[in-house]
């Protein structure tokens, strides 16, 4: 076998090893992202449960909101403003988040 072919085969082998290492590193990053997404999902479920509870007991929700507004008006208004901004941002970013999740899903399937 000519030395050029040997050099090419060795280079190919090194590249394949490097690709395998990169694939393992990418899968490690995807596992970390999956852990973060599962924590986010748990937090979302907790919020949905709390929201459902407050919807069922609207009198309780109104009472708690009124007490908070009377006790700390600036804090309540700040919470309302931040909640509104978060809600608007999530509505706008939902499409982008879904695109990222599809991309991560495709990469995880590699």
PDB file of N, CA and C in Angstrom:
ATOM      1  N   UNK A   1       0.850  -1.170   0.000  1.00  0.00           N
ATOM      2  CA  UNK A   1       0.000   0.000   0.000  1.00  0.00           C
ATOM      3  C   UNK A   1       0.896   1.233   0.000  1.00  0.00           C
ATOM      4  N   UNK A   2       0.620   2.176  -0.908  1.00  0.00           N
ATOM      5  CA  UNK A   2       1.450   3.380  -0.988  1.00  0.00           C
ATOM      6  C   UNK A   2       1.332   4.227   0.288  1.00  0.00           C
ATOM      7  N   UNK A   3       2.395   4.955   0.616  1.00  0.00           N
ATOM      8  CA  UNK A   3       2.384   5.763   1.842  1.00  0.00           C
ATOM      9  C   UNK A   3       1.291   6.844   1.844  1.00  0.00           C
ATOM     10  N   UNK A   4       0.900   7.347   0.669  1.00  0.00           N
ATOM     11  CA  UNK A   4      -0.161   8.358   0.617  1.00  0.00           C
ATOM     12  C   UNK A   4      -1.486   7.775   1.093  1.00  0.00           C
ATOM     13  N   UNK A   5      -1.765   6.544   0.700  1.00  0.00           N
ATOM     14  CA  UNK A   5      -3.008   5.896   1.126  1.00  0.00           C
ATOM     15  C   UNK A   5      -2.994   5.634   2.633  1.00  0.00           C
ATOM     16  N   UNK A   6      -1.831   5.241   3.146  1.00  0.00           N
ATOM     17  CA  UNK A   6      -1.710   5.006   4.590  1.00  0.00           C
ATOM     18  C   UNK A   6      -1.966   6.315   5.340  1.00  0.00           C
ATOM     19  N   UNK A   7      -1.375   7.407   4.849  1.00  0.00           N
ATOM     20  CA  UNK A   7      -1.583   8.703   5.483  1.00  0.00           C
ATOM     21  C   UNK A   7      -3.063   9.100   5.452  1.00  0.00           C
ATOM     22  N   UNK A   8      -3.718   8.857   4.304  1.00  0.00           N
ATOM     23  CA  UNK A   8      -5.142   9.183   4.194  1.00  0.00           C
ATOM     24  C   UNK A   8      -5.984   8.331   5.150  1.00  0.00           C
ATOM     25  N   UNK A   9      -5.673   7.049   5.251  1.00  0.00           N
ATOM     26  CA  UNK A   9      -6.416   6.179   6.160  1.00  0.00           C
ATOM     27  C   UNK A   9      -6.216   6.581   7.619  1.00  0.00           C
ATOM     28  N   UNK A  10      -4.982   6.972   7.967  1.00  0.00           N
ATOM     29  CA  UNK A  10      -4.724   7.427   9.333  1.00  0.00           C
ATOM     30  C   UNK A  10      -5.470   8.731   9.627  1.00  0.00           C
ATOM     31  N   UNK A  11      -5.482   9.627   8.648  1.00  0.00           N
ATOM     32  CA  UNK A  11      -6.205  10.894   8.839  1.00  0.00           C
ATOM     33  C   UNK A  11      -7.696  10.630   8.992  1.00  0.00           C
ATOM     34  N   UNK A  12      -8.214   9.718   8.176  1.00  0.00           N
ATOM     35  CA  UNK A  12      -9.628   9.367   8.263  1.00  0.00           C
ATOM     36  C   UNK A  12      -9.954   8.797   9.645  1.00  0.00           C
ATOM     37  N   UNK A  13      -9.094   7.944  10.146  1.00  0.00           N
ATOM     38  CA  UNK A  13      -9.310   7.333  11.457  1.00  0.00           C
ATOM     39  C   UNK A  13      -9.287   8.407  12.564  1.00  0.00           C
ATOM     40  N   UNK A  14      -8.333   9.320  12.488  1.00  0.00           N
ATOM     41  CA  UNK A  14      -8.272  10.403  13.490  1.00  0.00           C
ATOM     42  C   UNK A  14      -9.534  11.268  13.446  1.00  0.00           C
ATOM     43  N   UNK A  15      -9.988  11.555  12.236  1.00  0.00           N
ATOM     44  CA  UNK A  15     -11.206  12.361  12.108  1.00  0.00           C
ATOM     45  C   UNK A  15     -12.420  11.624  12.669  1.00  0.00           C
ATOM     46  N   UNK A  16     -12.499  10.330  12.442  1.00  0.00           N
ATOM     47  CA  UNK A  16     -13.614   9.553  12.972  1.00  0.00           C
ATOM     48  C   UNK A  16     -13.588   9.516  14.501  1.00  0.00           C
ATOM     49  N   UNK A  17     -12.400   9.410  15.064  1.00  0.00           N
ATOM     50  CA  UNK A  17     -12.293   9.435  16.525  1.00  0.00           C
ATOM     51  C   UNK A  17     -12.709  10.798  17.082  1.00  0.00           C
ATOM     52  N   UNK A  18     -12.291  11.854  16.411  1.00  0.00           N
ATOM     53  CA  UNK A  18     -12.664  13.195  16.872  1.00  0.00           C
ATOM     54  C   UNK A  18     -14.174  13.412  16.751  1.00  0.00           C
ATOM     55  N   UNK A  19     -14.767  12.906  15.677  1.00  0.00           N
ATOM     56  CA  UNK A  19     -16.218  13.010  15.502  1.00  0.00           C
ATOM     57  C   UNK A  19     -16.938  12.261  16.618  1.00  0.00           C
ATOM     58  N   UNK A  20     -16.449  11.086  16.975  1.00  0.00           N
ATOM     59  CA  UNK A  20     -17.076  10.316  18.055  1.00  0.00           C
ATOM     60  C   UNK A  20     -16.984  11.065  19.386  1.00  0.00           C
ATOM     61  N   UNK A  21     -15.852  11.707  19.637  1.00  0.00           N
ATOM     62  CA  UNK A  21     -15.703  12.489  20.865  1.00  0.00           C
ATOM     63  C   UNK A  21     -16.654  13.684  20.875  1.00  0.00           C
ATOM     64  N   UNK A  22     -16.787  14.343  19.742  1.00  0.00           N
ATOM     65  CA  UNK A  22     -17.700  15.480  19.657  1.00  0.00           C
ATOM     66  C   UNK A  22     -19.148  15.035  19.842  1.00  0.00           C
ATOM     67  N   UNK A  23     -19.487  13.884  19.302  1.00  0.00           N
ATOM     68  CA  UNK A  23     -20.847  13.362  19.454  1.00  0.00           C
ATOM     69  C   UNK A  23     -21.156  13.080  20.922  1.00  0.00           C
ATOM     70  N   UNK A  24     -20.196  12.508  21.631  1.00  0.00           N
ATOM     71  CA  UNK A  24     -20.388  12.237  23.063  1.00  0.00           C
ATOM     72  C   UNK A  24     -20.543  13.555  23.828  1.00  0.00           C
ATOM     73  N   UNK A  25     -19.739  14.550  23.476  1.00  0.00           N
ATOM     74  CA  UNK A  25     -19.843  15.854  24.143  1.00  0.00           C
ATOM     75  C   UNK A  25     -21.206  16.495  23.874  1.00  0.00           C
ATOM     76  N   UNK A  26     -21.690  16.405  22.649  1.00  0.00           N
ATOM     77  CA  UNK A  26     -23.006  16.966  22.312  1.00  0.00           C
ATOM     78  C   UNK A  26     -24.118  16.250  23.075  1.00  0.00           C
ATOM     79  N   UNK A  27     -24.023  14.942  23.185  1.00  0.00           N
ATOM     80  CA  UNK A  27     -25.046  14.202  23.924  1.00  0.00           C
ATOM     81  C   UNK A  27     -25.034  14.580  25.400  1.00  0.00           C
ATOM     82  N   UNK A  28     -23.840  14.852  25.948  1.00  0.00           N
ATOM     83  CA  UNK A  28     -23.761  15.311  27.333  1.00  0.00           C
ATOM     84  C   UNK A  28     -24.459  16.646  27.512  1.00  0.00           C
ATOM     85  N   UNK A  29     -24.262  17.555  26.557  1.00  0.00           N
ATOM     86  CA  UNK A  29     -24.938  18.854  26.618  1.00  0.00           C
ATOM     87  C   UNK A  29     -26.449  18.695  26.487  1.00  0.00           C
ATOM     88  N   UNK A  30     -26.872  17.779  25.629  1.00  0.00           N
ATOM     89  CA  UNK A  30     -28.303  17.552  25.473  1.00  0.00           C
ATOM     90  C   UNK A  30     -28.919  16.968  26.744  1.00  0.00           C
ATOM     91  N   UNK A  31     -28.185  16.124  27.442  1.00  0.00           N
ATOM     92  CA  UNK A  31     -28.705  15.581  28.698  1.00  0.00           C
ATOM     93  C   UNK A  31     -28.861  16.680  29.736  1.00  0.00           C
ATOM     94  N   UNK A  32     -27.920  17.622  29.765  1.00  0.00           N
ATOM     95  CA  UNK A  32     -28.041  18.757  30.682  1.00  0.00           C
ATOM     96  C   UNK A  32     -29.258  19.609  30.319  1.00  0.00           C
ATOM     97  N   UNK A  33     -29.442  19.850  29.024  1.00  0.00           N
ATOM     98  CA  UNK A  33     -30.592  20.646  28.582  1.00  0.00           C
ATOM     99  C   UNK A  33     -31.889  19.923  28.908  1.00  0.00           C
ATOM    100  N   UNK A  34     -31.889  18.605  28.767  1.00  0.00           N
ATOM    101  CA  UNK A  34     -33.086  17.829  29.091  1.00  0.00           C
ATOM    102  C   UNK A  34     -33.412  17.938  30.578  1.00  0.00           C
ATOM    103  N   UNK A  35     -32.391  17.926  31.430  1.00  0.00           N
ATOM    104  CA  UNK A  35     -32.619  18.092  32.865  1.00  0.00           C
ATOM    105  C   UNK A  35     -33.210  19.456  33.173  1.00  0.00           C
ATOM    106  N   UNK A  36     -32.705  20.482  32.512  1.00  0.00           N
ATOM    107  CA  UNK A  36     -33.228  21.833  32.709  1.00  0.00           C
ATOM    108  C   UNK A  36     -34.674  21.917  32.234  1.00  0.00           C
ATOM    109  N   UNK A  37     -34.955  21.292  31.100  1.00  0.00           N
ATOM    110  CA  UNK A  37     -36.317  21.331  30.576  1.00  0.00           C
ATOM    111  C   UNK A  37     -37.276  20.558  31.470  1.00  0.00           C
ATOM    112  N   UNK A  38     -36.827  19.458  32.069  1.00  0.00           N
ATOM    113  CA  UNK A  38     -37.719  18.719  32.971  1.00  0.00           C
ATOM    114  C   UNK A  38     -37.990  19.534  34.230  1.00  0.00           C
ATOM    115  N   UNK A  39     -36.979  20.256  34.720  1.00  0.00           N
ATOM    116  CA  UNK A  39     -37.204  21.130  35.874  1.00  0.00           C
ATOM    117  C   UNK A  39     -38.172  22.243  35.510  1.00  0.00           C
ATOM    118  N   UNK A  40     -38.038  22.778  34.312  1.00  0.00           N
ATOM    119  CA  UNK A  40     -38.961  23.812  33.841  1.00  0.00           C
ATOM    120  C   UNK A  40     -40.369  23.258  33.730  1.00  0.00           C
ATOM    121  N   UNK A  41     -40.486  22.030  33.248  1.00  0.00           N
ATOM    122  CA  UNK A  41     -41.805  21.403  33.127  1.00  0.00           C
ATOM    123  C   UNK A  41     -42.442  21.199  34.501  1.00  0.00           C
ATOM    124  N   UNK A  42     -41.642  20.794  35.489  1.00  0.00           N
ATOM    125  CA  UNK A  42     -42.179  20.628  36.846  1.00  0.00           C
ATOM    126  C   UNK A  42     -42.663  21.961  37.398  1.00  0.00           C
ATOM    127  N   UNK A  43     -41.883  23.022  37.161  1.00  0.00           N
ATOM    128  CA  UNK A  43     -42.277  24.344  37.619  1.00  0.00           C
ATOM    129  C   UNK A  43     -43.554  24.803  36.922  1.00  0.00           C
ATOM    130  N   UNK A  44     -43.651  24.504  35.644  1.00  0.00           N
ATOM    131  CA  UNK A  44     -44.857  24.862  34.895  1.00  0.00           C
ATOM    132  C   UNK A  44     -46.067  24.104  35.436  1.00  0.00           C
ATOM    133  N   UNK A  45     -45.904  22.824  35.729  1.00  0.00           N
ATOM    134  CA  UNK A  45     -47.004  22.038  36.290  1.00  0.00           C
ATOM    135  C   UNK A  45     -47.428  22.572  37.647  1.00  0.00           C
ATOM    136  N   UNK A  46     -46.444  22.978  38.454  1.00  0.00           N
ATOM    137  CA  UNK A  46     -46.755  23.560  39.759  1.00  0.00           C
ATOM    138  C   UNK A  46     -47.550  24.851  39.586  1.00  0.00           C
ATOM    139  N   UNK A  47     -47.126  25.695  38.659  1.00  0.00           N
ATOM    140  CA  UNK A  47     -47.852  26.933  38.384  1.00  0.00           C
ATOM    141  C   UNK A  47     -49.251  26.669  37.863  1.00  0.00           C
ATOM    142  N   UNK A  48     -49.382  25.649  37.005  1.00  0.00           N
ATOM    143  CA  UNK A  48     -50.712  25.316  36.482  1.00  0.00           C
ATOM    144  C   UNK A  48     -51.616  24.816  37.605  1.00  0.00           C
ATOM    145  N   UNK A  49     -51.059  24.019  38.508  1.00  0.00           N
ATOM    146  CA  UNK A  49     -51.846  23.540  39.644  1.00  0.00           C
ATOM    147  C   UNK A  49     -52.283  24.677  40.546  1.00  0.00           C
ATOM    148  N   UNK A  50     -51.378  25.596  40.800  1.00  0.00           N
ATOM    149  CA  UNK A  50     -51.703  26.759  41.625  1.00  0.00           C
ATOM    150  C   UNK A  50     -52.731  27.644  40.924  1.00  0.00           C
ATOM    151  N   UNK A  51     -52.552  27.817  39.618  1.00  0.00           N
ATOM    152  CA  UNK A  51     -53.516  28.613  38.849  1.00  0.00           C
ATOM    153  C   UNK A  51     -54.896  27.978  38.868  1.00  0.00           C
ATOM    154  N   UNK A  52     -54.941  26.649  38.731  1.00  0.00           N
ATOM    155  CA  UNK A  52     -56.228  25.948  38.796  1.00  0.00           C
ATOM    156  C   UNK A  52     -56.883  26.100  40.153  1.00  0.00           C
ATOM    157  N   UNK A  53     -56.075  26.016  41.201  1.00  0.00           N
ATOM    158  CA  UNK A  53     -56.599  26.187  42.556  1.00  0.00           C
ATOM    159  C   UNK A  53     -57.170  27.589  42.741  1.00  0.00           C
ATOM    160  N   UNK A  54     -56.461  28.582  42.254  1.00  0.00           N
ATOM    161  CA  UNK A  54     -56.938  29.958  42.392  1.00  0.00           C
ATOM    162  C   UNK A  54     -58.158  30.223  41.514  1.00  0.00           C
ATOM    163  N   UNK A  55     -58.244  29.553  40.357  1.00  0.00           N
ATOM    164  CA  UNK A  55     -59.442  29.704  39.527  1.00  0.00           C
ATOM    165  C   UNK A  55     -60.647  29.069  40.196  1.00  0.00           C
ATOM    166  N   UNK A  56     -60.431  27.924  40.850  1.00  0.00           N
ATOM    167  CA  UNK A  56     -61.531  27.266  41.561  1.00  0.00           C
ATOM    168  C   UNK A  56     -62.025  28.119  42.712  1.00  0.00           C
ATOM    169  N   UNK A  57     -61.103  28.725  43.418  1.00  0.00           N
ATOM    170  CA  UNK A  57     -61.431  29.516  44.596  1.00  0.00           C
ATOM    171  C   UNK A  57     -61.113  30.980  44.305  1.00  0.00           C
ATOM    172  N   UNK A  58     -61.912  31.582  43.434  1.00  0.00           N
ATOM    173  CA  UNK A  58     -61.630  32.947  43.001  1.00  0.00           C
ATOM    174  C   UNK A  58     -61.743  33.943  44.157  1.00  0.00           C
ATOM    175  N   UNK A  59     -62.587  33.654  45.130  1.00  0.00           N
ATOM    176  CA  UNK A  59     -62.713  34.547  46.282  1.00  0.00           C
ATOM    177  C   UNK A  59     -61.401  34.574  47.067  1.00  0.00           C
ATOM    178  N   UNK A  60     -60.809  33.399  47.247  1.00  0.00           N
ATOM    179  CA  UNK A  60     -59.528  33.318  47.936  1.00  0.00           C
ATOM    180  C   UNK A  60     -58.454  34.089  47.175  1.00  0.00           C
ATOM    181  N   UNK A  61     -58.437  33.931  45.858  1.00  0.00           N
ATOM    182  CA  UNK A  61     -57.445  34.631  45.040  1.00  0.00           C
ATOM    183  C   UNK A  61     -57.625  36.142  45.138  1.00  0.00           C
ATOM    184  N   UNK A  62     -58.864  36.598  45.064  1.00  0.00           N
ATOM    185  CA  UNK A  62     -59.121  38.033  45.163  1.00  0.00           C
ATOM    186  C   UNK A  62     -58.734  38.561  46.535  1.00  0.00           C
ATOM    187  N   UNK A  63     -59.024  37.801  47.579  1.00  0.00           N
ATOM    188  CA  UNK A  63     -58.679  38.223  48.941  1.00  0.00           C
ATOM    189  C   UNK A  63     -57.168  38.314  49.104  1.00  0.00           C
ATOM    190  N   UNK A  64     -56.455  37.286  48.664  1.00  0.00           N
ATOM    191  CA  UNK A  64     -54.997  37.311  48.777  1.00  0.00           C
ATOM    192  C   UNK A  64     -54.395  38.451  47.967  1.00  0.00           C
ATOM    193  N   UNK A  65     -54.902  38.666  46.751  1.00  0.00           N
ATOM    194  CA  UNK A  65     -54.405  39.762  45.929  1.00  0.00           C
ATOM    195  C   UNK A  65     -54.661  41.119  46.567  1.00  0.00           C
ATOM    196  N   UNK A  66     -55.847  41.286  47.134  1.00  0.00           N
ATOM    197  CA  UNK A  66     -56.180  42.558  47.793  1.00  0.00           C
ATOM    198  C   UNK A  66     -55.305  42.799  49.011  1.00  0.00           C
ATOM    199  N   UNK A  67     -55.105  41.738  49.805  1.00  0.00           N
ATOM    200  CA  UNK A  67     -54.251  41.886  50.984  1.00  0.00           C
ATOM    201  C   UNK A  67     -52.826  42.258  50.594  1.00  0.00           C
ATOM    202  N   UNK A  68     -52.323  41.610  49.562  1.00  0.00           N
ATOM    203  CA  UNK A  68     -50.967  41.909  49.113  1.00  0.00           C
ATOM    204  C   UNK A  68     -50.878  43.338  48.586  1.00  0.00           C
ATOM    205  N   UNK A  69     -51.911  43.763  47.850  1.00  0.00           N
ATOM    206  CA  UNK A  69     -51.926  45.114  47.315  1.00  0.00           C
ATOM    207  C   UNK A  69     -51.981  46.153  48.437  1.00  0.00           C
ATOM    208  N   UNK A  70     -52.754  45.875  49.476  1.00  0.00           N
ATOM    209  CA  UNK A  70     -52.840  46.808  50.600  1.00  0.00           C
ATOM    210  C   UNK A  70     -51.569  46.796  51.452  1.00  0.00           C
ATOM    211  N   UNK A  71     -50.987  45.615  51.614  1.00  0.00           N
ATOM    212  CA  UNK A  71     -49.817  45.477  52.473  1.00  0.00           C
ATOM    213  C   UNK A  71     -48.579  46.081  51.828  1.00  0.00           C
ATOM    214  N   UNK A  72     -48.368  45.782  50.548  1.00  0.00           N
ATOM    215  CA  UNK A  72     -47.185  46.281  49.842  1.00  0.00           C
ATOM    216  C   UNK A  72     -47.594  46.745  48.448  1.00  0.00           C
ATOM    217  N   UNK A  73     -48.101  47.947  48.326  1.00  0.00           N
ATOM    218  CA  UNK A  73     -48.596  48.403  47.018  1.00  0.00           C
ATOM    219  C   UNK A  73     -47.511  48.450  45.941  1.00  0.00           C
ATOM    220  N   UNK A  74     -46.327  48.945  46.303  1.00  0.00           N
ATOM    221  CA  UNK A  74     -45.250  49.001  45.295  1.00  0.00           C
ATOM    222  C   UNK A  74     -44.828  47.601  44.873  1.00  0.00           C
ATOM    223  N   UNK A  75     -44.707  46.718  45.857  1.00  0.00           N
ATOM    224  CA  UNK A  75     -44.330  45.340  45.532  1.00  0.00           C
ATOM    225  C   UNK A  75     -45.366  44.662  44.658  1.00  0.00           C
ATOM    226  N   UNK A  76     -46.659  44.896  44.977  1.00  0.00           N
ATOM    227  CA  UNK A  76     -47.722  44.281  44.183  1.00  0.00           C
ATOM    228  C   UNK A  76     -47.697  44.806  42.758  1.00  0.00           C
ATOM    229  N   UNK A  77     -47.529  46.095  42.607  1.00  0.00           N
ATOM    230  CA  UNK A  77     -47.480  46.664  41.255  1.00  0.00           C
ATOM    231  C   UNK A  77     -46.254  46.180  40.488  1.00  0.00           C
ATOM    232  N   UNK A  78     -45.140  46.025  41.188  1.00  0.00           N
ATOM    233  CA  UNK A  78     -43.930  45.498  40.544  1.00  0.00           C
ATOM    234  C   UNK A  78     -44.154  44.059  40.087  1.00  0.00           C
ATOM    235  N   UNK A  79     -44.792  43.253  40.949  1.00  0.00           N
ATOM    236  CA  UNK A  79     -45.095  41.868  40.579  1.00  0.00           C
ATOM    237  C   UNK A  79     -46.036  41.817  39.383  1.00  0.00           C
ATOM    238  N   UNK A  80     -47.040  42.681  39.391  1.00  0.00           N
ATOM    239  CA  UNK A  80     -47.968  42.715  38.260  1.00  0.00           C
ATOM    240  C   UNK A  80     -47.249  43.102  36.970  1.00  0.00           C
ATOM    241  N   UNK A  81     -46.388  44.123  37.048  1.00  0.00           N
ATOM    242  CA  UNK A  81     -45.645  44.556  35.860  1.00  0.00           C
ATOM    243  C   UNK A  81     -44.731  43.437  35.350  1.00  0.00           C
ATOM    244  N   UNK A  82     -43.993  42.813  36.278  1.00  0.00           N
ATOM    245  CA  UNK A  82     -43.080  41.732  35.869  1.00  0.00           C
ATOM    246  C   UNK A  82     -43.844  40.542  35.307  1.00  0.00           C
ATOM    247  N   UNK A  83     -44.970  40.227  35.920  1.00  0.00           N
ATOM    248  CA  UNK A  83     -45.789  39.125  35.409  1.00  0.00           C
ATOM    249  C   UNK A  83     -46.307  39.420  34.016  1.00  0.00           C
ATOM    250  N   UNK A  84     -46.751  40.662  33.813  1.00  0.00           N
ATOM    251  CA  UNK A  84     -47.239  41.052  32.489  1.00  0.00           C
ATOM    252  C   UNK A  84     -46.123  40.957  31.451  1.00  0.00           C
ATOM    253  N   UNK A  85     -44.950  41.473  31.781  1.00  0.00           N
ATOM    254  CA  UNK A  85     -43.828  41.418  30.839  1.00  0.00           C
ATOM    255  C   UNK A  85     -43.412  39.983  30.553  1.00  0.00           C
ATOM    256  N   UNK A  86     -43.428  39.142  31.581  1.00  0.00           N
ATOM    257  CA  UNK A  86     -43.095  37.733  31.392  1.00  0.00           C
ATOM    258  C   UNK A  86     -44.114  37.053  30.490  1.00  0.00           C
ATOM    259  N   UNK A  87     -45.385  37.336  30.704  1.00  0.00           N
ATOM    260  CA  UNK A  87     -46.435  36.722  29.908  1.00  0.00           C
ATOM    261  C   UNK A  87     -46.309  37.139  28.443  1.00  0.00           C
ATOM    262  N   UNK A  88     -46.101  38.435  28.207  1.00  0.00           N
ATOM    263  CA  UNK A  88     -45.951  38.927  26.832  1.00  0.00           C
ATOM    264  C   UNK A  88     -44.711  38.308  26.185  1.00  0.00           C
ATOM    265  N   UNK A  89     -43.620  38.252  26.936  1.00  0.00           N
ATOM    266  CA  UNK A  89     -42.394  37.667  26.395  1.00  0.00           C
ATOM    267  C   UNK A  89     -42.552  36.197  26.063  1.00  0.00           C
ATOM    268  N   UNK A  90     -43.241  35.461  26.924  1.00  0.00           N
ATOM    269  CA  UNK A  90     -43.464  34.040  26.662  1.00  0.00           C
ATOM    270  C   UNK A  90     -44.360  33.838  25.450  1.00  0.00           C
ATOM    271  N   UNK A  91     -45.357  34.682  25.299  1.00  0.00           N
ATOM    272  CA  UNK A  91     -46.238  34.568  24.133  1.00  0.00           C
ATOM    273  C   UNK A  91     -45.456  34.810  22.842  1.00  0.00           C
ATOM    274  N   UNK A  92     -44.563  35.782  22.880  1.00  0.00           N
ATOM    275  CA  UNK A  92     -43.765  36.079  21.685  1.00  0.00           C
ATOM    276  C   UNK A  92     -42.706  35.016  21.432  1.00  0.00           C
ATOM    277  N   UNK A  93     -42.132  34.486  22.502  1.00  0.00           N
ATOM    278  CA  UNK A  93     -41.024  33.548  22.357  1.00  0.00           C
ATOM    279  C   UNK A  93     -41.432  32.095  22.232  1.00  0.00           C
ATOM    280  N   UNK A  94     -42.732  31.805  22.303  1.00  0.00           N
ATOM    281  CA  UNK A  94     -43.184  30.417  22.260  1.00  0.00           C
ATOM    282  C   UNK A  94     -42.760  29.722  20.966  1.00  0.00           C
ATOM    283  N   UNK A  95     -42.909  30.412  19.847  1.00  0.00           N
ATOM    284  CA  UNK A  95     -42.530  29.823  18.561  1.00  0.00           C
ATOM    285  C   UNK A  95     -41.040  29.533  18.495  1.00  0.00           C
ATOM    286  N   UNK A  96     -40.246  30.451  19.003  1.00  0.00           N
ATOM    287  CA  UNK A  96     -38.797  30.235  19.000  1.00  0.00           C
ATOM    288  C   UNK A  96     -38.421  29.070  19.900  1.00  0.00           C
ATOM    289  N   UNK A  97     -39.069  28.984  21.055  1.00  0.00           N
ATOM    290  CA  UNK A  97     -38.776  27.897  21.983  1.00  0.00           C
ATOM    291  C   UNK A  97     -39.137  26.554  21.357  1.00  0.00           C
ATOM    292  N   UNK A  98     -40.274  26.491  20.687  1.00  0.00           N
ATOM    293  CA  UNK A  98     -40.664  25.237  20.046  1.00  0.00           C
ATOM    294  C   UNK A  98     -39.686  24.854  18.945  1.00  0.00           C
ATOM    295  N   UNK A  99     -39.180  25.825  18.205  1.00  0.00           N
ATOM    296  CA  UNK A  99     -38.187  25.527  17.171  1.00  0.00           C
ATOM    297  C   UNK A  99     -36.908  24.978  17.794  1.00  0.00           C
ATOM    298  N   UNK A 100     -36.478  25.575  18.916  1.00  0.00           N
ATOM    299  CA  UNK A 100     -35.277  25.084  19.612  1.00  0.00           C
ATOM    300  C   UNK A 100     -35.500  23.672  20.137  1.00  0.00           C
ATOM    301  N   UNK A 101     -36.673  23.398  20.661  1.00  0.00           N
ATOM    302  CA  UNK A 101     -36.951  22.061  21.185  1.00  0.00           C
ATOM    303  C   UNK A 101     -36.963  21.026  20.063  1.00  0.00           C
ATOM    304  N   UNK A 102     -37.506  21.399  18.897  1.00  0.00           N
ATOM    305  CA  UNK A 102     -37.466  20.466  17.759  1.00  0.00           C
ATOM    306  C   UNK A 102     -36.022  20.197  17.350  1.00  0.00           C
ATOM    307  N   UNK A 103     -35.194  21.254  17.321  1.00  0.00           N
ATOM    308  CA  UNK A 103     -33.788  21.088  16.966  1.00  0.00           C
ATOM    309  C   UNK A 103     -33.078  20.186  17.968  1.00  0.00           C
ATOM    310  N   UNK A 104     -33.316  20.417  19.264  1.00  0.00           N
ATOM    311  CA  UNK A 104     -32.695  19.570  20.288  1.00  0.00           C
ATOM    312  C   UNK A 104     -33.160  18.127  20.157  1.00  0.00           C
ATOM    313  N   UNK A 105     -34.423  17.936  19.812  1.00  0.00           N
ATOM    314  CA  UNK A 105     -34.930  16.583  19.609  1.00  0.00           C
ATOM    315  C   UNK A 105     -34.251  15.879  18.457  1.00  0.00           C
ATOM    316  N   UNK A 106     -34.042  16.619  17.379  1.00  0.00           N
ATOM    317  CA  UNK A 106     -33.343  16.024  16.235  1.00  0.00           C
ATOM    318  C   UNK A 106     -31.905  15.675  16.594  1.00  0.00           C
ATOM    319  N   UNK A 107     -31.244  16.557  17.333  1.00  0.00           N
ATOM    320  CA  UNK A 107     -29.855  16.285  17.721  1.00  0.00           C
ATOM    321  C   UNK A 107     -29.768  15.099  18.669  1.00  0.00           C
ATOM    322  N   UNK A 108     -30.740  14.946  19.535  1.00  0.00           N
ATOM    323  CA  UNK A 108     -30.735  13.831  20.473  1.00  0.00           C
ATOM    324  C   UNK A 108     -30.935  12.510  19.748  1.00  0.00           C
ATOM    325  N   UNK A 109     -31.599  12.550  18.612  1.00  0.00           N
ATOM    326  CA  UNK A 109     -31.825  11.328  17.849  1.00  0.00           C
ATOM    327  C   UNK A 109     -30.597  10.850  17.105  1.00  0.00           C
ATOM    328  N   UNK A 110     -29.529  11.664  17.090  1.00  0.00           N
ATOM    329  CA  UNK A 110     -28.304  11.296  16.358  1.00  0.00           C
ATOM    330  C   UNK A 110     -27.640  10.101  16.995  1.00  0.00           C
TER     331      UNK A 110
END
